[in-house]
N, C-alpha and C. Protein backbone atom coordinates (compact mmCIF):
# COMPACT_ATOMS: atom_id res chain seq x y z
N MET A 1 53.24 42.82 89.17
CA MET A 1 51.64 41.73 89.12
C MET A 1 50.71 42.51 88.03
N ALA A 2 50.09 41.92 87.39
CA ALA A 2 49.39 42.08 86.50
C ALA A 2 47.55 42.70 87.21
N ASP A 3 47.25 44.02 87.15
CA ASP A 3 46.04 44.11 87.69
C ASP A 3 44.98 43.18 87.49
N ALA A 4 44.15 42.35 88.50
CA ALA A 4 43.35 41.40 88.19
C ALA A 4 42.21 41.88 87.48
N ARG A 5 41.66 43.20 87.50
CA ARG A 5 40.58 43.76 86.84
C ARG A 5 40.85 43.59 85.34
N ASP A 6 42.04 43.44 84.71
CA ASP A 6 42.58 43.41 83.53
C ASP A 6 41.93 41.89 82.81
N ALA A 7 41.83 40.92 83.75
CA ALA A 7 41.44 39.71 83.02
C ALA A 7 39.88 39.86 83.22
N ALA A 8 39.27 40.79 83.16
CA ALA A 8 37.57 40.78 82.73
C ALA A 8 37.65 41.09 81.33
N PRO A 9 36.64 40.65 80.72
CA PRO A 9 36.59 41.37 79.41
C PRO A 9 36.02 42.42 79.58
N GLU A 10 35.12 42.88 80.42
CA GLU A 10 34.59 44.47 80.21
C GLU A 10 34.58 44.82 81.74
N ARG A 11 34.65 45.75 81.75
CA ARG A 11 33.88 46.56 83.30
C ARG A 11 32.96 47.24 83.31
N ALA A 12 32.03 47.13 84.39
CA ALA A 12 30.96 47.37 84.85
C ALA A 12 30.78 48.90 84.14
N GLY A 13 29.80 49.23 83.28
CA GLY A 13 29.76 50.63 82.70
C GLY A 13 30.44 51.15 81.60
N ALA A 14 31.14 49.64 81.12
CA ALA A 14 32.08 50.23 79.96
C ALA A 14 31.05 50.75 78.40
N TRP A 15 29.80 50.43 78.79
CA TRP A 15 29.15 51.05 77.36
C TRP A 15 29.22 52.11 77.42
N LEU A 16 29.27 53.07 78.28
CA LEU A 16 29.35 54.36 78.64
C LEU A 16 30.41 55.29 77.53
N LEU A 17 31.18 54.73 77.50
CA LEU A 17 32.19 54.77 77.13
C LEU A 17 32.03 54.78 75.07
N PRO A 18 31.65 53.96 74.25
CA PRO A 18 31.15 54.60 73.20
C PRO A 18 30.07 55.51 73.05
N VAL A 19 29.14 55.05 74.12
CA VAL A 19 27.88 56.18 73.82
C VAL A 19 28.14 57.33 74.00
N THR A 20 28.95 57.64 75.12
CA THR A 20 29.40 58.79 74.92
C THR A 20 30.48 59.49 73.52
N ARG A 21 31.20 58.83 73.53
CA ARG A 21 32.06 59.08 72.06
C ARG A 21 31.08 59.31 71.05
N GLY A 22 29.84 58.73 71.22
CA GLY A 22 29.14 58.84 70.00
C GLY A 22 28.17 60.38 69.84
N ALA A 23 27.74 60.34 71.21
CA ALA A 23 27.19 61.49 71.50
C ALA A 23 28.02 62.56 71.01
N LEU A 24 29.04 62.46 71.44
CA LEU A 24 30.18 63.84 71.21
C LEU A 24 30.03 63.77 70.01
N ALA A 25 30.12 62.98 69.32
CA ALA A 25 30.53 63.34 67.48
C ALA A 25 29.43 63.60 66.91
N ILE A 26 27.91 63.26 67.39
CA ILE A 26 27.00 63.63 66.95
C ILE A 26 26.64 65.51 66.96
N VAL A 27 27.05 65.74 67.95
CA VAL A 27 26.88 67.34 68.10
C VAL A 27 27.54 68.31 67.45
N PRO A 28 28.67 67.90 66.52
CA PRO A 28 29.36 68.93 65.63
C PRO A 28 28.68 68.65 64.40
N SER A 29 28.33 67.02 63.91
CA SER A 29 27.74 67.09 62.86
C SER A 29 26.35 67.67 62.09
N VAL A 30 25.63 68.04 63.86
CA VAL A 30 24.44 68.86 63.81
C VAL A 30 24.88 70.25 63.25
N VAL A 31 25.80 70.72 64.12
CA VAL A 31 25.90 72.34 63.72
C VAL A 31 26.49 72.45 62.48
N ILE A 32 27.53 71.50 61.85
CA ILE A 32 28.20 71.36 60.45
C ILE A 32 26.84 71.32 59.82
N THR A 33 25.71 70.74 59.91
CA THR A 33 24.61 70.59 59.01
C THR A 33 23.60 71.88 58.53
N PHE A 34 23.44 72.38 59.57
CA PHE A 34 22.67 73.35 60.40
C PHE A 34 23.27 74.90 60.36
N SER A 35 24.36 74.95 59.44
CA SER A 35 24.92 76.08 59.24
C SER A 35 25.24 75.93 57.92
N GLN A 36 25.25 77.76 57.45
CA GLN A 36 25.41 77.81 56.06
C GLN A 36 26.98 78.00 55.93
N ASP A 37 27.59 78.48 56.73
CA ASP A 37 29.10 78.84 56.54
C ASP A 37 29.66 77.57 56.43
N HIS A 38 30.59 77.06 55.50
CA HIS A 38 31.40 75.86 55.37
C HIS A 38 32.58 76.20 54.80
N SER A 39 33.17 77.16 55.19
CA SER A 39 34.68 77.95 55.02
C SER A 39 35.34 76.69 55.57
N ALA A 40 36.52 76.64 55.51
CA ALA A 40 37.62 76.02 56.32
C ALA A 40 38.06 76.79 57.45
N GLY A 41 37.91 77.84 57.63
CA GLY A 41 38.07 78.71 58.80
C GLY A 41 36.46 78.01 59.94
N PHE A 42 35.78 78.16 59.31
CA PHE A 42 34.60 77.13 60.31
C PHE A 42 34.56 75.78 60.48
N GLY A 43 35.30 74.71 59.44
CA GLY A 43 35.60 73.77 60.02
C GLY A 43 36.44 73.25 60.70
N LEU A 44 37.34 74.23 60.73
CA LEU A 44 38.79 73.96 61.96
C LEU A 44 38.19 74.12 62.73
N ALA A 45 37.36 75.34 63.18
CA ALA A 45 36.71 76.09 64.48
C ALA A 45 35.99 74.72 65.15
N VAL A 46 35.09 74.25 64.17
CA VAL A 46 34.19 73.15 64.90
C VAL A 46 35.20 72.10 65.36
N PHE A 47 35.53 71.77 64.19
CA PHE A 47 36.83 70.34 64.53
C PHE A 47 37.34 70.66 65.60
N GLY A 48 38.53 72.05 65.54
CA GLY A 48 38.65 72.19 66.91
C GLY A 48 38.07 72.06 68.46
N TRP A 49 36.91 72.68 68.47
CA TRP A 49 36.03 72.74 69.52
C TRP A 49 35.75 71.03 69.78
N TRP A 50 35.02 70.25 68.66
CA TRP A 50 34.89 68.81 68.90
C TRP A 50 36.27 67.95 69.93
N ALA A 51 37.27 68.14 69.07
CA ALA A 51 38.53 66.99 69.62
C ALA A 51 38.93 67.85 70.97
N LEU A 52 39.14 68.80 71.01
CA LEU A 52 39.54 69.48 72.27
C LEU A 52 38.46 68.76 73.27
N VAL A 53 37.08 69.02 73.39
CA VAL A 53 36.14 68.40 73.93
C VAL A 53 36.23 66.48 74.63
N ALA A 54 36.12 65.76 73.12
CA ALA A 54 36.08 64.66 73.00
C ALA A 54 37.30 64.14 73.56
N GLY A 55 38.61 64.54 72.97
CA GLY A 55 39.58 64.41 73.54
C GLY A 55 39.86 63.87 74.93
N VAL A 56 39.60 65.17 75.51
CA VAL A 56 39.61 65.07 76.89
C VAL A 56 38.84 64.06 77.90
N VAL A 57 37.26 64.14 77.36
CA VAL A 57 36.39 63.50 78.05
C VAL A 57 36.66 62.17 77.99
N VAL A 58 37.04 61.29 76.65
CA VAL A 58 37.01 60.02 75.95
C VAL A 58 38.31 59.63 76.77
N GLY A 59 39.38 60.27 76.66
CA GLY A 59 40.64 59.84 77.58
C GLY A 59 40.31 59.78 79.07
N ALA A 60 39.59 60.47 79.53
CA ALA A 60 39.39 59.90 81.15
C ALA A 60 38.64 59.14 81.26
N LEU A 61 37.66 58.88 80.24
CA LEU A 61 36.44 57.94 80.63
C LEU A 61 37.33 56.36 80.22
N SER A 62 38.00 56.61 79.24
CA SER A 62 38.63 55.50 78.40
C SER A 62 39.89 55.00 79.91
N ALA A 63 40.49 55.62 80.49
CA ALA A 63 41.29 55.44 81.87
C ALA A 63 40.67 54.14 83.11
N ARG A 64 39.46 54.93 82.63
CA ARG A 64 38.37 54.28 84.11
C ARG A 64 37.39 52.80 83.45
N LEU A 65 37.10 53.01 82.23
CA LEU A 65 36.40 52.21 81.80
C LEU A 65 36.82 50.93 80.53
N VAL A 66 37.94 50.92 80.50
CA VAL A 66 38.67 49.82 79.41
C VAL A 66 39.30 49.04 79.91
N ALA A 67 38.75 47.63 79.88
CA ALA A 67 39.68 46.52 81.08
C ALA A 67 41.15 46.20 80.60
N ASP A 68 41.25 45.95 79.63
CA ASP A 68 42.69 45.52 78.53
C ASP A 68 43.39 46.92 78.52
N ARG A 69 44.51 46.60 79.60
CA ARG A 69 45.73 47.25 80.07
C ARG A 69 45.92 47.91 78.54
N THR A 70 46.47 47.61 77.53
CA THR A 70 47.48 47.98 76.65
C THR A 70 46.09 49.00 75.48
N SER A 71 44.89 48.29 75.63
CA SER A 71 43.85 48.92 74.89
C SER A 71 43.68 49.91 75.45
N ARG A 72 43.49 50.06 77.04
CA ARG A 72 43.12 51.37 77.59
C ARG A 72 44.23 52.54 77.61
N TRP A 73 45.32 52.37 77.17
CA TRP A 73 46.15 52.97 77.22
C TRP A 73 46.67 53.52 75.55
N VAL A 74 46.11 52.57 74.82
CA VAL A 74 46.08 53.32 73.75
C VAL A 74 44.80 54.46 73.39
N PHE A 75 43.52 54.07 74.01
CA PHE A 75 42.90 55.25 74.04
C PHE A 75 42.99 56.09 74.91
N VAL A 76 43.65 55.58 75.78
CA VAL A 76 43.82 57.40 76.15
C VAL A 76 45.04 58.14 75.75
N GLY A 77 45.82 57.49 74.71
CA GLY A 77 46.80 58.15 74.00
C GLY A 77 45.93 59.16 72.84
N ASN A 78 45.12 58.54 72.41
CA ASN A 78 44.33 58.89 71.46
C ASN A 78 43.29 59.80 71.89
N GLY A 79 43.04 59.99 73.03
CA GLY A 79 42.38 61.35 73.63
C GLY A 79 43.63 62.30 73.52
N VAL A 80 44.48 62.01 74.03
CA VAL A 80 45.36 62.98 74.02
C VAL A 80 45.85 63.43 72.63
N ILE A 81 45.91 62.86 71.76
CA ILE A 81 46.57 63.03 70.29
C ILE A 81 44.86 64.18 69.70
N THR A 82 43.85 63.40 69.94
CA THR A 82 42.73 64.18 69.60
C THR A 82 42.42 65.67 70.08
N ALA A 83 42.93 65.79 71.61
CA ALA A 83 42.89 66.61 72.44
C ALA A 83 43.73 68.24 71.71
N ALA A 84 45.31 67.46 71.87
CA ALA A 84 45.92 68.05 70.75
C ALA A 84 45.69 68.54 69.54
N ALA A 85 45.07 67.85 68.61
CA ALA A 85 44.55 68.30 67.15
C ALA A 85 43.76 69.29 67.20
N GLY A 86 42.71 69.07 68.08
CA GLY A 86 41.81 70.02 68.63
C GLY A 86 42.14 71.84 68.84
N LEU A 87 43.32 71.66 69.78
CA LEU A 87 44.38 72.76 70.06
C LEU A 87 44.77 73.46 68.98
N VAL A 88 45.49 73.02 67.98
CA VAL A 88 46.16 73.42 66.97
C VAL A 88 44.79 73.80 65.87
N ALA A 89 43.86 73.02 65.55
CA ALA A 89 42.84 73.73 64.36
C ALA A 89 42.42 74.77 65.30
N LEU A 90 42.22 74.80 66.66
CA LEU A 90 41.38 76.19 67.05
C LEU A 90 42.74 77.42 66.91
N GLN A 91 43.97 77.23 67.19
CA GLN A 91 45.17 78.05 67.01
C GLN A 91 45.07 78.48 65.19
N LEU A 92 44.50 77.76 64.57
CA LEU A 92 45.02 78.08 63.13
C LEU A 92 43.27 78.72 62.38
N ALA A 93 42.19 78.29 63.32
CA ALA A 93 40.95 78.74 62.83
C ALA A 93 40.83 80.22 62.70
N GLY A 94 41.31 81.02 63.59
CA GLY A 94 40.94 82.12 63.54
C GLY A 94 42.79 83.24 62.68
N THR A 95 43.28 82.40 61.64
CA THR A 95 44.39 82.81 61.24
C THR A 95 44.27 82.71 59.83
N PRO A 96 45.17 83.95 59.14
CA PRO A 96 45.27 84.10 57.65
C PRO A 96 45.34 82.83 56.42
N SER A 97 45.77 81.76 57.52
CA SER A 97 46.47 81.00 56.60
C SER A 97 45.13 79.34 56.86
N SER A 98 44.37 79.87 57.61
CA SER A 98 43.15 78.80 58.01
C SER A 98 42.20 78.37 55.99
N GLY A 99 43.25 78.19 55.44
CA GLY A 99 42.13 77.59 54.28
C GLY A 99 42.04 76.13 53.65
N VAL A 100 41.79 75.77 53.01
CA VAL A 100 40.90 73.71 52.94
C VAL A 100 42.09 73.37 52.72
N ALA A 101 43.78 73.85 52.35
CA ALA A 101 44.75 72.75 52.36
C ALA A 101 45.24 72.48 54.48
N VAL A 102 45.11 73.32 54.97
CA VAL A 102 45.73 73.81 56.49
C VAL A 102 44.08 72.14 56.97
N PHE A 103 43.21 72.82 56.53
CA PHE A 103 41.74 72.33 57.36
C PHE A 103 42.22 70.56 56.93
N THR A 104 42.18 70.52 55.69
CA THR A 104 42.47 68.80 55.39
C THR A 104 43.45 68.14 55.82
N TYR A 105 44.55 69.28 56.08
CA TYR A 105 45.93 68.64 56.58
C TYR A 105 45.62 67.90 58.17
N THR A 106 45.43 69.01 58.80
CA THR A 106 45.08 68.86 60.20
C THR A 106 43.94 67.92 60.45
N VAL A 107 43.35 67.47 59.71
CA VAL A 107 42.20 66.56 59.89
C VAL A 107 42.47 65.03 59.62
N ALA A 108 43.30 65.10 58.28
CA ALA A 108 43.84 63.92 57.74
C ALA A 108 44.99 63.21 58.95
N VAL A 109 45.93 64.35 59.22
CA VAL A 109 47.28 63.57 60.15
C VAL A 109 46.00 63.15 61.40
N TRP A 110 45.20 63.81 61.82
CA TRP A 110 44.37 63.33 63.22
C TRP A 110 43.80 62.11 62.64
N ALA A 111 43.02 62.25 61.79
CA ALA A 111 42.61 61.03 61.55
C ALA A 111 43.37 59.83 61.64
N ALA A 112 44.39 59.89 60.48
CA ALA A 112 45.40 58.54 60.27
C ALA A 112 45.79 58.35 61.92
N LEU A 113 46.29 58.85 62.42
CA LEU A 113 47.14 58.62 64.05
C LEU A 113 45.96 57.43 64.71
N THR A 114 45.03 58.05 65.15
CA THR A 114 44.04 57.90 65.75
C THR A 114 43.14 56.48 64.86
N GLY A 115 42.88 56.47 63.59
CA GLY A 115 42.50 55.63 62.84
C GLY A 115 43.43 54.29 62.93
N ILE A 116 44.64 54.42 63.34
CA ILE A 116 45.57 53.23 63.01
C ILE A 116 45.65 52.59 64.05
N LEU A 117 45.40 53.53 65.40
CA LEU A 117 45.47 53.14 67.06
C LEU A 117 44.35 52.27 66.99
N GLU A 118 43.49 53.01 66.58
CA GLU A 118 41.81 52.09 66.92
C GLU A 118 41.57 50.71 65.94
N LEU A 119 42.63 51.02 64.92
CA LEU A 119 42.07 49.47 64.12
C LEU A 119 43.26 48.14 65.16
N PHE A 120 44.54 48.95 65.47
CA PHE A 120 45.49 48.07 66.14
C PHE A 120 44.39 47.19 67.58
N VAL A 121 43.64 48.25 68.27
CA VAL A 121 43.14 47.66 69.47
C VAL A 121 42.31 46.46 68.91
N GLY A 122 41.33 46.85 68.03
CA GLY A 122 40.26 46.22 67.06
C GLY A 122 40.72 45.07 66.81
N VAL A 123 41.89 44.67 66.43
CA VAL A 123 42.51 43.37 66.02
C VAL A 123 43.12 42.91 67.11
N ARG A 124 43.40 43.60 68.15
CA ARG A 124 44.20 42.53 69.04
C ARG A 124 43.11 42.10 69.83
N GLY A 125 42.16 42.96 70.29
CA GLY A 125 40.68 42.50 71.08
C GLY A 125 39.39 42.04 70.36
N ARG A 126 40.13 41.24 69.11
CA ARG A 126 39.06 40.66 68.36
C ARG A 126 38.90 39.10 68.83
N GLY A 127 37.74 38.80 68.85
CA GLY A 127 37.35 37.45 69.53
C GLY A 127 37.53 37.02 71.43
N ARG A 128 38.12 38.10 71.73
CA ARG A 128 38.04 38.27 73.14
C ARG A 128 37.41 39.40 73.96
N VAL A 129 37.11 40.45 73.56
CA VAL A 129 36.62 41.91 73.80
C VAL A 129 35.57 42.49 73.15
N ALA A 130 34.29 42.67 73.40
CA ALA A 130 33.03 42.44 73.26
C ALA A 130 32.89 43.98 72.18
N ALA A 131 33.81 44.97 72.75
CA ALA A 131 33.43 46.15 71.63
C ALA A 131 34.62 46.47 70.90
N ALA A 132 35.30 44.75 70.42
CA ALA A 132 36.28 45.22 69.42
C ALA A 132 36.43 45.35 68.19
N ARG A 133 34.52 44.56 67.78
CA ARG A 133 34.83 44.87 66.35
C ARG A 133 33.67 46.51 66.12
N ASP A 134 33.18 47.10 67.42
CA ASP A 134 32.92 48.41 67.20
C ASP A 134 34.41 49.41 66.95
N TRP A 135 35.32 49.05 67.31
CA TRP A 135 36.69 49.77 67.49
C TRP A 135 37.54 49.60 65.94
N LEU A 136 37.06 48.36 65.70
CA LEU A 136 37.44 47.68 64.01
C LEU A 136 36.32 48.85 63.18
N THR A 137 35.45 48.94 63.24
CA THR A 137 34.55 49.45 62.62
C THR A 137 35.11 51.10 62.01
N VAL A 138 34.87 51.69 63.68
CA VAL A 138 35.06 53.32 63.89
C VAL A 138 36.65 53.59 63.45
N GLY A 139 37.36 52.41 63.58
CA GLY A 139 38.76 53.03 63.81
C GLY A 139 39.01 52.96 61.60
N GLY A 140 38.41 51.93 61.61
CA GLY A 140 38.52 51.63 59.71
C GLY A 140 37.70 52.96 59.12
N LEU A 141 36.46 53.58 59.45
CA LEU A 141 35.52 54.50 59.03
C LEU A 141 36.89 56.09 59.15
N THR A 142 37.53 56.25 60.12
CA THR A 142 38.52 56.85 60.25
C THR A 142 39.80 57.18 59.60
N ALA A 143 40.25 55.86 59.23
CA ALA A 143 41.43 55.55 58.44
C ALA A 143 40.33 56.12 56.98
N VAL A 144 39.74 55.53 56.77
CA VAL A 144 39.09 56.00 55.47
C VAL A 144 38.63 57.51 55.07
N LEU A 145 38.31 57.99 56.73
CA LEU A 145 38.49 59.83 56.62
C LEU A 145 39.63 60.53 55.99
N ALA A 146 41.07 59.95 56.67
CA ALA A 146 41.87 60.41 56.41
C ALA A 146 42.37 60.58 55.16
N LEU A 147 42.16 59.08 54.39
CA LEU A 147 43.02 58.51 53.15
C LEU A 147 41.79 59.93 51.96
N ALA A 148 40.97 59.80 51.88
CA ALA A 148 39.51 60.61 51.55
C ALA A 148 40.24 62.08 51.83
N PHE A 149 40.70 62.47 52.32
CA PHE A 149 41.25 64.31 52.66
C PHE A 149 42.60 64.32 52.53
N VAL A 150 43.34 63.03 52.26
CA VAL A 150 44.59 63.30 51.73
C VAL A 150 44.99 62.88 49.82
N LEU A 151 43.81 62.17 49.26
CA LEU A 151 43.69 61.80 47.92
C LEU A 151 42.82 62.74 47.26
N LEU A 152 41.53 63.40 47.57
CA LEU A 152 40.63 63.62 46.94
C LEU A 152 40.81 65.13 47.02
N PRO A 153 40.57 65.90 45.45
CA PRO A 153 40.66 67.21 45.46
C PRO A 153 39.34 67.85 46.03
N LEU A 154 39.53 68.52 47.29
CA LEU A 154 38.52 68.62 47.93
C LEU A 154 38.06 70.42 48.50
N ASP A 155 37.30 70.98 48.05
CA ASP A 155 36.77 72.25 48.19
C ASP A 155 36.36 72.65 49.40
N PRO A 156 36.40 73.43 49.93
CA PRO A 156 36.01 73.70 51.33
C PRO A 156 34.67 73.61 51.79
N VAL A 157 33.49 73.59 51.07
CA VAL A 157 32.41 73.09 51.39
C VAL A 157 32.31 71.29 51.47
N THR A 158 33.11 70.73 50.31
CA THR A 158 32.69 69.56 50.27
C THR A 158 33.71 68.81 51.25
N ALA A 159 34.41 69.48 51.77
CA ALA A 159 35.83 69.03 52.82
C ALA A 159 34.60 68.52 54.21
N VAL A 160 34.55 70.07 54.82
CA VAL A 160 33.54 70.55 55.77
C VAL A 160 32.35 69.62 56.00
N GLY A 161 31.87 69.43 55.07
CA GLY A 161 30.73 68.50 54.49
C GLY A 161 31.08 66.87 54.96
N LEU A 162 32.11 66.07 54.36
CA LEU A 162 32.83 65.46 54.71
C LEU A 162 33.06 64.98 55.99
N LEU A 163 33.43 65.87 56.91
CA LEU A 163 33.63 65.79 58.05
C LEU A 163 32.76 65.48 58.62
N GLY A 164 31.61 66.35 58.19
CA GLY A 164 29.95 66.30 59.17
C GLY A 164 29.38 64.61 58.85
N ALA A 165 29.50 64.23 57.96
CA ALA A 165 28.97 62.91 57.40
C ALA A 165 29.90 61.81 58.39
N TYR A 166 31.22 62.18 58.08
CA TYR A 166 32.08 61.21 58.74
C TYR A 166 31.77 61.02 60.49
N LEU A 167 31.03 62.18 61.27
CA LEU A 167 31.12 62.12 62.62
C LEU A 167 29.61 61.71 62.72
N VAL A 168 28.72 62.06 61.77
CA VAL A 168 27.16 61.21 62.24
C VAL A 168 27.26 60.17 62.38
N VAL A 169 28.16 59.48 60.92
CA VAL A 169 28.03 58.00 61.08
C VAL A 169 28.50 57.61 62.22
N ALA A 170 29.88 57.75 62.17
CA ALA A 170 30.82 57.28 63.15
C ALA A 170 29.95 57.44 64.48
N GLY A 171 29.10 58.59 64.73
CA GLY A 171 28.49 58.77 66.04
C GLY A 171 27.33 57.64 66.39
N VAL A 172 26.56 57.58 65.33
CA VAL A 172 25.20 56.14 65.32
C VAL A 172 26.02 55.27 65.64
N LEU A 173 27.05 54.99 64.92
CA LEU A 173 27.55 53.46 64.97
C LEU A 173 27.98 52.99 66.56
N LEU A 174 28.50 54.11 67.15
CA LEU A 174 29.00 54.03 68.44
C LEU A 174 27.91 54.38 69.71
N VAL A 175 26.88 55.00 69.35
CA VAL A 175 25.60 54.72 70.39
C VAL A 175 25.12 53.14 70.15
N ILE A 176 24.85 53.18 68.63
CA ILE A 176 24.29 51.65 69.00
C ILE A 176 24.95 50.53 69.57
N GLY A 177 26.32 50.31 69.08
CA GLY A 177 27.39 49.63 69.87
C GLY A 177 27.36 49.49 71.17
N GLY A 178 27.78 50.77 72.06
CA GLY A 178 27.48 50.91 73.21
C GLY A 178 26.06 50.99 73.90
N LEU A 179 24.82 50.84 73.18
CA LEU A 179 23.85 50.31 74.25
C LEU A 179 23.99 48.80 73.76
N SER A 180 24.13 48.32 72.42
CA SER A 180 23.91 46.53 71.96
C SER A 180 24.95 46.23 73.40
N LEU A 181 26.67 46.75 73.99
CA LEU A 181 27.08 46.22 75.42
C LEU A 181 26.09 46.17 76.26
N LYS A 182 25.61 47.52 76.54
CA LYS A 182 24.78 47.23 77.68
C LYS A 182 23.43 46.01 77.96
N TRP A 183 22.99 46.07 76.68
CA TRP A 183 21.94 45.16 76.82
C TRP A 183 22.36 43.99 76.68
N ALA A 184 23.40 43.60 76.45
CA ALA A 184 24.34 42.01 76.18
C ALA A 184 24.39 41.73 77.66
N ALA A 185 25.15 43.00 78.57
CA ALA A 185 25.53 43.18 79.63
C ALA A 185 24.47 42.66 80.76
N THR A 186 22.93 42.94 80.47
CA THR A 186 22.12 42.79 81.17
C THR A 186 21.30 41.73 80.95
N GLU A 187 21.69 41.36 79.90
CA GLU A 187 21.38 39.65 79.78
C GLU A 187 21.97 38.58 80.01
N ARG A 188 23.20 38.91 80.29
CA ARG A 188 24.42 37.97 81.09
C ARG A 188 23.66 38.20 82.93
N THR A 189 23.63 39.49 83.36
CA THR A 189 23.61 39.61 84.31
C THR A 189 22.07 38.69 84.68
N GLY A 190 20.74 39.04 83.79
CA GLY A 190 19.48 38.50 84.34
C GLY A 190 19.71 36.74 83.87
N SER A 191 20.61 36.09 83.48
CA SER A 191 21.28 34.70 82.87
C SER A 191 21.86 34.16 84.26
N SER A 192 22.60 34.98 85.02
CA SER A 192 23.21 34.50 86.05
C SER A 192 22.33 34.77 87.26
N ASP A 193 21.45 35.35 87.12
CA ASP A 193 20.49 35.48 88.24
C ASP A 193 19.44 34.21 88.08
N ALA A 194 18.75 34.09 87.35
CA ALA A 194 18.30 32.69 87.09
C ALA A 194 19.08 31.52 87.57
N ALA A 195 20.22 31.19 86.80
CA ALA A 195 20.88 30.26 87.52
C ALA A 195 20.99 29.98 88.42
N SER A 196 20.99 31.38 89.38
CA SER A 196 21.97 31.47 90.82
C SER A 196 20.23 30.85 91.30
N GLY A 197 18.98 31.23 91.03
CA GLY A 197 17.79 31.41 92.16
C GLY A 197 17.41 29.52 91.59
N SER A 198 17.83 29.03 90.30
CA SER A 198 17.57 27.52 89.99
C SER A 198 18.41 26.67 91.21
N GLU A 199 19.81 27.40 91.11
CA GLU A 199 20.76 26.06 92.16
C GLU A 199 19.93 25.92 93.60
N ARG A 200 19.38 27.28 94.00
CA ARG A 200 19.48 27.56 95.49
C ARG A 200 17.85 26.91 95.48
N SER A 201 16.99 26.69 94.63
CA SER A 201 15.90 25.84 94.98
C SER A 201 15.72 24.84 94.86
């Protein structure tokens, strides 16, 4: 039998997931912005630590806060992919092979996999899940990052800067989207309370 909770369009506190994702993305973008070292090794280290932490935290939150069963496990899978990419990046960061090609390939593979999966749940949830529009936006942005890292001839400074730009844009969009979900839920609760009060009177 399907979990009855999966029928609900949103779970209580669902807004915490995008806000947490956004906040975690903004932190490394600030580190990149204020660092003078934009080498490929630095990019791998920043991406690695962010991906490891974000993958674990977002994967765990997704298991609790995403109502739709398929979307929930896609985001858990995205968390596992992200954490694994972080571990790989950290392993490569301190090696002699940590050049721009390794950095761009690592980020591109991660972005392609997670971007496509997030686009999938965004398309699937469109019209019935409030967060679907944000999933489509961030999934598309992540997929574009993958294409840019594959198609453009990037030097280390540009590649690391592009990662930082992606993280800040995605982070801001996610925080705004999460707060919008919270405000919408508050408005619905207020409307329901008002309607109940009118019926009792």
